[in-house]
Amino acid sequence: MTTWKLVRIFAGFFILLSLALGVSDSPIFVSHYWLYFTAFVGINLLQSGITSWCLMESILRNIGIKGGC
């Protein structure tokens, strides 16, 4: 699996998890502050789309995951 796919898998997982923890109607609600994490992930996705640089992708490459699409 490539870094490109893993970054998107991690981002999707983190968004869904933070929504589940931050929305009061969720059965696993913890705190509304988890919605800040959702915004953080979204901002990082936006930033990586504009600058073509992603910290998560750099970390994955450094641990030996193959880059590319």
PDB file of N, CA and C in Angstrom:
ATOM      1  N   MET A   1       0.844  -1.167   0.000  1.00  0.00           N
ATOM      2  CA  MET A   1       0.000   0.000   0.000  1.00  0.00           C
ATOM      3  C   MET A   1       0.900   1.243   0.000  1.00  0.00           C
ATOM      4  N   THR A   2       0.484   2.250  -0.702  1.00  0.00           N
ATOM      5  CA  THR A   2       1.297   3.459  -0.843  1.00  0.00           C
ATOM      6  C   THR A   2       0.941   4.501   0.222  1.00  0.00           C
ATOM      7  N   THR A   3       1.839   5.477   0.382  1.00  0.00           N
ATOM      8  CA  THR A   3       1.603   6.550   1.351  1.00  0.00           C
ATOM      9  C   THR A   3       0.335   7.326   1.000  1.00  0.00           C
ATOM     10  N   TRP A   4       0.080   7.513  -0.284  1.00  0.00           N
ATOM     11  CA  TRP A   4      -1.096   8.263  -0.737  1.00  0.00           C
ATOM     12  C   TRP A   4      -2.376   7.632  -0.193  1.00  0.00           C
ATOM     13  N   LYS A   5      -2.474   6.307  -0.309  1.00  0.00           N
ATOM     14  CA  LYS A   5      -3.667   5.612   0.168  1.00  0.00           C
ATOM     15  C   LYS A   5      -3.743   5.616   1.687  1.00  0.00           C
ATOM     16  N   LEU A   6      -2.609   5.400   2.347  1.00  0.00           N
ATOM     17  CA  LEU A   6      -2.602   5.360   3.804  1.00  0.00           C
ATOM     18  C   LEU A   6      -2.977   6.700   4.422  1.00  0.00           C
ATOM     19  N   VAL A   7      -2.510   7.795   3.841  1.00  0.00           N
ATOM     20  CA  VAL A   7      -2.865   9.116   4.360  1.00  0.00           C
ATOM     21  C   VAL A   7      -4.369   9.308   4.312  1.00  0.00           C
ATOM     22  N   ARG A   8      -4.992   8.931   3.228  1.00  0.00           N
ATOM     23  CA  ARG A   8      -6.435   9.101   3.102  1.00  0.00           C
ATOM     24  C   ARG A   8      -7.202   8.167   4.038  1.00  0.00           C
ATOM     25  N   ILE A   9      -6.687   6.958   4.243  1.00  0.00           N
ATOM     26  CA  ILE A   9      -7.312   6.021   5.189  1.00  0.00           C
ATOM     27  C   ILE A   9      -7.234   6.582   6.604  1.00  0.00           C
ATOM     28  N   PHE A  10      -6.053   7.059   7.003  1.00  0.00           N
ATOM     29  CA  PHE A  10      -5.893   7.643   8.333  1.00  0.00           C
ATOM     30  C   PHE A  10      -6.786   8.867   8.509  1.00  0.00           C
ATOM     31  N   ALA A  11      -6.821   9.744   7.516  1.00  0.00           N
ATOM     32  CA  ALA A  11      -7.639  10.958   7.612  1.00  0.00           C
ATOM     33  C   ALA A  11      -9.117  10.599   7.759  1.00  0.00           C
ATOM     34  N   GLY A  12      -9.602   9.689   6.945  1.00  0.00           N
ATOM     35  CA  GLY A  12     -10.999   9.270   7.040  1.00  0.00           C
ATOM     36  C   GLY A  12     -11.316   8.643   8.382  1.00  0.00           C
ATOM     37  N   PHE A  13     -10.424   7.796   8.872  1.00  0.00           N
ATOM     38  CA  PHE A  13     -10.623   7.155  10.170  1.00  0.00           C
ATOM     39  C   PHE A  13     -10.658   8.189  11.286  1.00  0.00           C
ATOM     40  N   PHE A  14      -9.697   9.121  11.283  1.00  0.00           N
ATOM     41  CA  PHE A  14      -9.642  10.137  12.331  1.00  0.00           C
ATOM     42  C   PHE A  14     -10.862  11.050  12.301  1.00  0.00           C
ATOM     43  N   ILE A  15     -11.336  11.396  11.117  1.00  0.00           N
ATOM     44  CA  ILE A  15     -12.528  12.243  11.020  1.00  0.00           C
ATOM     45  C   ILE A  15     -13.752  11.509  11.571  1.00  0.00           C
ATOM     46  N   LEU A  16     -13.950  10.271  11.164  1.00  0.00           N
ATOM     47  CA  LEU A  16     -15.105   9.514  11.649  1.00  0.00           C
ATOM     48  C   LEU A  16     -15.029   9.269  13.154  1.00  0.00           C
ATOM     49  N   LEU A  17     -13.845   8.950  13.655  1.00  0.00           N
ATOM     50  CA  LEU A  17     -13.679   8.710  15.083  1.00  0.00           C
ATOM     51  C   LEU A  17     -13.929   9.984  15.890  1.00  0.00           C
ATOM     52  N   SER A  18     -13.360  11.100  15.452  1.00  0.00           N
ATOM     53  CA  SER A  18     -13.540  12.343  16.202  1.00  0.00           C
ATOM     54  C   SER A  18     -14.990  12.832  16.142  1.00  0.00           C
ATOM     55  N   LEU A  19     -15.681  12.577  15.037  1.00  0.00           N
ATOM     56  CA  LEU A  19     -17.111  12.908  14.985  1.00  0.00           C
ATOM     57  C   LEU A  19     -17.914  12.027  15.945  1.00  0.00           C
ATOM     58  N   ALA A  20     -17.573  10.753  15.986  1.00  0.00           N
ATOM     59  CA  ALA A  20     -18.272   9.845  16.902  1.00  0.00           C
ATOM     60  C   ALA A  20     -18.048  10.248  18.357  1.00  0.00           C
ATOM     61  N   LEU A  21     -16.859  10.749  18.677  1.00  0.00           N
ATOM     62  CA  LEU A  21     -16.552  11.158  20.043  1.00  0.00           C
ATOM     63  C   LEU A  21     -17.041  12.564  20.371  1.00  0.00           C
ATOM     64  N   GLY A  22     -17.325  13.377  19.337  1.00  0.00           N
ATOM     65  CA  GLY A  22     -17.660  14.769  19.570  1.00  0.00           C
ATOM     66  C   GLY A  22     -19.108  15.172  19.352  1.00  0.00           C
ATOM     67  N   VAL A  23     -19.903  14.321  18.748  1.00  0.00           N
ATOM     68  CA  VAL A  23     -21.315  14.653  18.492  1.00  0.00           C
ATOM     69  C   VAL A  23     -22.153  14.073  19.628  1.00  0.00           C
ATOM     70  N   SER A  24     -22.953  14.914  20.255  1.00  0.00           N
ATOM     71  CA  SER A  24     -23.662  14.508  21.476  1.00  0.00           C
ATOM     72  C   SER A  24     -24.671  13.374  21.267  1.00  0.00           C
ATOM     73  N   ASP A  25     -25.168  13.172  20.066  1.00  0.00           N
ATOM     74  CA  ASP A  25     -26.108  12.074  19.812  1.00  0.00           C
ATOM     75  C   ASP A  25     -25.424  10.733  19.589  1.00  0.00           C
ATOM     76  N   SER A  26     -24.104  10.726  19.574  1.00  0.00           N
ATOM     77  CA  SER A  26     -23.355   9.498  19.354  1.00  0.00           C
ATOM     78  C   SER A  26     -23.370   8.636  20.616  1.00  0.00           C
ATOM     79  N   PRO A  27     -23.437   7.311  20.441  1.00  0.00           N
ATOM     80  CA  PRO A  27     -23.421   6.429  21.624  1.00  0.00           C
ATOM     81  C   PRO A  27     -22.077   6.420  22.350  1.00  0.00           C
ATOM     82  N   ILE A  28     -21.006   6.889  21.693  1.00  0.00           N
ATOM     83  CA  ILE A  28     -19.694   6.929  22.359  1.00  0.00           C
ATOM     84  C   ILE A  28     -19.222   8.368  22.570  1.00  0.00           C
ATOM     85  N   PHE A  29     -20.180   9.287  22.729  1.00  0.00           N
ATOM     86  CA  PHE A  29     -19.861  10.703  22.942  1.00  0.00           C
ATOM     87  C   PHE A  29     -18.976  10.878  24.171  1.00  0.00           C
ATOM     88  N   VAL A  30     -17.936  11.719  24.021  1.00  0.00           N
ATOM     89  CA  VAL A  30     -17.047  12.048  25.131  1.00  0.00           C
ATOM     90  C   VAL A  30     -17.111  13.543  25.427  1.00  0.00           C
ATOM     91  N   SER A  31     -16.817  14.362  24.413  1.00  0.00           N
ATOM     92  CA  SER A  31     -16.781  15.805  24.603  1.00  0.00           C
ATOM     93  C   SER A  31     -16.904  16.495  23.256  1.00  0.00           C
ATOM     94  N   HIS A  32     -17.475  17.688  23.270  1.00  0.00           N
ATOM     95  CA  HIS A  32     -17.581  18.475  22.041  1.00  0.00           C
ATOM     96  C   HIS A  32     -16.205  18.928  21.548  1.00  0.00           C
ATOM     97  N   TYR A  33     -15.225  18.912  22.420  1.00  0.00           N
ATOM     98  CA  TYR A  33     -13.877  19.342  22.033  1.00  0.00           C
ATOM     99  C   TYR A  33     -13.256  18.436  20.969  1.00  0.00           C
ATOM    100  N   TRP A  34     -13.768  17.222  20.798  1.00  0.00           N
ATOM    101  CA  TRP A  34     -13.262  16.332  19.747  1.00  0.00           C
ATOM    102  C   TRP A  34     -13.522  16.903  18.355  1.00  0.00           C
ATOM    103  N   LEU A  35     -14.486  17.805  18.250  1.00  0.00           N
ATOM    104  CA  LEU A  35     -14.776  18.418  16.952  1.00  0.00           C
ATOM    105  C   LEU A  35     -13.613  19.311  16.497  1.00  0.00           C
ATOM    106  N   TYR A  36     -12.815  19.813  17.443  1.00  0.00           N
ATOM    107  CA  TYR A  36     -11.615  20.565  17.069  1.00  0.00           C
ATOM    108  C   TYR A  36     -10.625  19.668  16.328  1.00  0.00           C
ATOM    109  N   PHE A  37     -10.559  18.401  16.738  1.00  0.00           N
ATOM    110  CA  PHE A  37      -9.675  17.464  16.044  1.00  0.00           C
ATOM    111  C   PHE A  37     -10.164  17.212  14.617  1.00  0.00           C
ATOM    112  N   THR A  38     -11.489  17.144  14.448  1.00  0.00           N
ATOM    113  CA  THR A  38     -12.059  17.007  13.104  1.00  0.00           C
ATOM    114  C   THR A  38     -11.636  18.186  12.233  1.00  0.00           C
ATOM    115  N   ALA A  39     -11.729  19.391  12.785  1.00  0.00           N
ATOM    116  CA  ALA A  39     -11.311  20.594  12.053  1.00  0.00           C
ATOM    117  C   ALA A  39      -9.813  20.559  11.757  1.00  0.00           C
ATOM    118  N   PHE A  40      -9.011  20.095  12.698  1.00  0.00           N
ATOM    119  CA  PHE A  40      -7.564  19.994  12.501  1.00  0.00           C
ATOM    120  C   PHE A  40      -7.224  19.086  11.318  1.00  0.00           C
ATOM    121  N   VAL A  41      -7.876  17.941  11.248  1.00  0.00           N
ATOM    122  CA  VAL A  41      -7.638  17.018  10.132  1.00  0.00           C
ATOM    123  C   VAL A  41      -8.071  17.649   8.815  1.00  0.00           C
ATOM    124  N   GLY A  42      -9.223  18.303   8.815  1.00  0.00           N
ATOM    125  CA  GLY A  42      -9.701  18.968   7.601  1.00  0.00           C
ATOM    126  C   GLY A  42      -8.769  20.071   7.135  1.00  0.00           C
ATOM    127  N   ILE A  43      -8.255  20.865   8.075  1.00  0.00           N
ATOM    128  CA  ILE A  43      -7.313  21.931   7.732  1.00  0.00           C
ATOM    129  C   ILE A  43      -6.029  21.348   7.155  1.00  0.00           C
ATOM    130  N   ASN A  44      -5.561  20.244   7.727  1.00  0.00           N
ATOM    131  CA  ASN A  44      -4.353  19.613   7.194  1.00  0.00           C
ATOM    132  C   ASN A  44      -4.578  19.054   5.794  1.00  0.00           C
ATOM    133  N   LEU A  45      -5.753  18.502   5.530  1.00  0.00           N
ATOM    134  CA  LEU A  45      -6.065  18.023   4.178  1.00  0.00           C
ATOM    135  C   LEU A  45      -6.102  19.176   3.191  1.00  0.00           C
ATOM    136  N   LEU A  46      -6.706  20.281   3.598  1.00  0.00           N
ATOM    137  CA  LEU A  46      -6.755  21.470   2.749  1.00  0.00           C
ATOM    138  C   LEU A  46      -5.340  21.997   2.481  1.00  0.00           C
ATOM    139  N   GLN A  47      -4.530  22.102   3.525  1.00  0.00           N
ATOM    140  CA  GLN A  47      -3.157  22.568   3.396  1.00  0.00           C
ATOM    141  C   GLN A  47      -2.347  21.674   2.470  1.00  0.00           C
ATOM    142  N   SER A  48      -2.492  20.361   2.602  1.00  0.00           N
ATOM    143  CA  SER A  48      -1.712  19.457   1.757  1.00  0.00           C
ATOM    144  C   SER A  48      -2.163  19.521   0.303  1.00  0.00           C
ATOM    145  N   GLY A  49      -3.434  19.817   0.081  1.00  0.00           N
ATOM    146  CA  GLY A  49      -3.921  19.978  -1.285  1.00  0.00           C
ATOM    147  C   GLY A  49      -3.375  21.226  -1.946  1.00  0.00           C
ATOM    148  N   ILE A  50      -3.175  22.270  -1.156  1.00  0.00           N
ATOM    149  CA  ILE A  50      -2.665  23.531  -1.701  1.00  0.00           C
ATOM    150  C   ILE A  50      -1.151  23.504  -1.879  1.00  0.00           C
ATOM    151  N   THR A  51      -0.439  22.956  -0.886  1.00  0.00           N
ATOM    152  CA  THR A  51       1.028  23.020  -0.906  1.00  0.00           C
ATOM    153  C   THR A  51       1.689  21.763  -1.460  1.00  0.00           C
ATOM    154  N   SER A  52       0.934  20.693  -1.623  1.00  0.00           N
ATOM    155  CA  SER A  52       1.464  19.390  -2.062  1.00  0.00           C
ATOM    156  C   SER A  52       2.455  18.805  -1.070  1.00  0.00           C
ATOM    157  N   TRP A  53       2.347  19.177   0.212  1.00  0.00           N
ATOM    158  CA  TRP A  53       3.181  18.621   1.270  1.00  0.00           C
ATOM    159  C   TRP A  53       2.288  18.160   2.416  1.00  0.00           C
ATOM    160  N   CYS A  54       2.549  16.960   2.911  1.00  0.00           N
ATOM    161  CA  CYS A  54       1.751  16.397   3.991  1.00  0.00           C
ATOM    162  C   CYS A  54       2.690  15.756   5.013  1.00  0.00           C
ATOM    163  N   LEU A  55       2.578  16.169   6.273  1.00  0.00           N
ATOM    164  CA  LEU A  55       3.432  15.642   7.325  1.00  0.00           C
ATOM    165  C   LEU A  55       3.254  14.138   7.478  1.00  0.00           C
ATOM    166  N   MET A  56       2.018  13.670   7.448  1.00  0.00           N
ATOM    167  CA  MET A  56       1.760  12.231   7.596  1.00  0.00           C
ATOM    168  C   MET A  56       2.440  11.433   6.491  1.00  0.00           C
ATOM    169  N   GLU A  57       2.399  11.945   5.282  1.00  0.00           N
ATOM    170  CA  GLU A  57       3.053  11.258   4.162  1.00  0.00           C
ATOM    171  C   GLU A  57       4.566  11.229   4.365  1.00  0.00           C
ATOM    172  N   SER A  58       5.134  12.313   4.863  1.00  0.00           N
ATOM    173  CA  SER A  58       6.574  12.352   5.140  1.00  0.00           C
ATOM    174  C   SER A  58       6.943  11.335   6.209  1.00  0.00           C
ATOM    175  N   ILE A  59       6.127  11.229   7.247  1.00  0.00           N
ATOM    176  CA  ILE A  59       6.391  10.251   8.311  1.00  0.00           C
ATOM    177  C   ILE A  59       6.323   8.833   7.758  1.00  0.00           C
ATOM    178  N   LEU A  60       5.321   8.554   6.947  1.00  0.00           N
ATOM    179  CA  LEU A  60       5.177   7.211   6.372  1.00  0.00           C
ATOM    180  C   LEU A  60       6.357   6.860   5.464  1.00  0.00           C
ATOM    181  N   ARG A  61       6.830   7.823   4.688  1.00  0.00           N
ATOM    182  CA  ARG A  61       8.001   7.584   3.833  1.00  0.00           C
ATOM    183  C   ARG A  61       9.241   7.301   4.667  1.00  0.00           C
ATOM    184  N   ASN A  62       9.389   8.028   5.782  1.00  0.00           N
ATOM    185  CA  ASN A  62      10.554   7.829   6.646  1.00  0.00           C
ATOM    186  C   ASN A  62      10.567   6.468   7.311  1.00  0.00           C
ATOM    187  N   ILE A  63       9.402   5.851   7.511  1.00  0.00           N
ATOM    188  CA  ILE A  63       9.384   4.508   8.104  1.00  0.00           C
ATOM    189  C   ILE A  63       9.425   3.406   7.047  1.00  0.00           C
ATOM    190  N   GLY A  64       9.532   3.813   5.783  1.00  0.00           N
ATOM    191  CA  GLY A  64       9.753   2.833   4.733  1.00  0.00           C
ATOM    192  C   GLY A  64       8.573   2.483   3.849  1.00  0.00           C
ATOM    193  N   ILE A  65       7.451   3.179   3.976  1.00  0.00           N
ATOM    194  CA  ILE A  65       6.302   2.924   3.115  1.00  0.00           C
ATOM    195  C   ILE A  65       6.570   3.543   1.749  1.00  0.00           C
ATOM    196  N   LYS A  66       6.209   2.812   0.705  1.00  0.00           N
ATOM    197  CA  LYS A  66       6.431   3.273  -0.659  1.00  0.00           C
ATOM    198  C   LYS A  66       5.560   4.474  -0.980  1.00  0.00           C
ATOM    199  N   GLY A  67       6.153   5.510  -1.560  1.00  0.00           N
ATOM    200  CA  GLY A  67       5.419   6.710  -1.942  1.00  0.00           C
ATOM    201  C   GLY A  67       4.678   6.508  -3.249  1.00  0.00           C
ATOM    202  N   GLY A  68       3.907   7.508  -3.631  1.00  0.00           N
ATOM    203  CA  GLY A  68       3.212   7.461  -4.912  1.00  0.00           C
ATOM    204  C   GLY A  68       1.721   7.297  -4.767  1.00  0.00           C
ATOM    205  N   CYS A  69       1.043   7.233  -5.912  1.00  0.00           N
ATOM    206  CA  CYS A  69      -0.426   7.137  -5.918  1.00  0.00           C
ATOM    207  C   CYS A  69      -0.865   5.722  -5.761  1.00  0.00           C
TER     208      CYS A  69
END
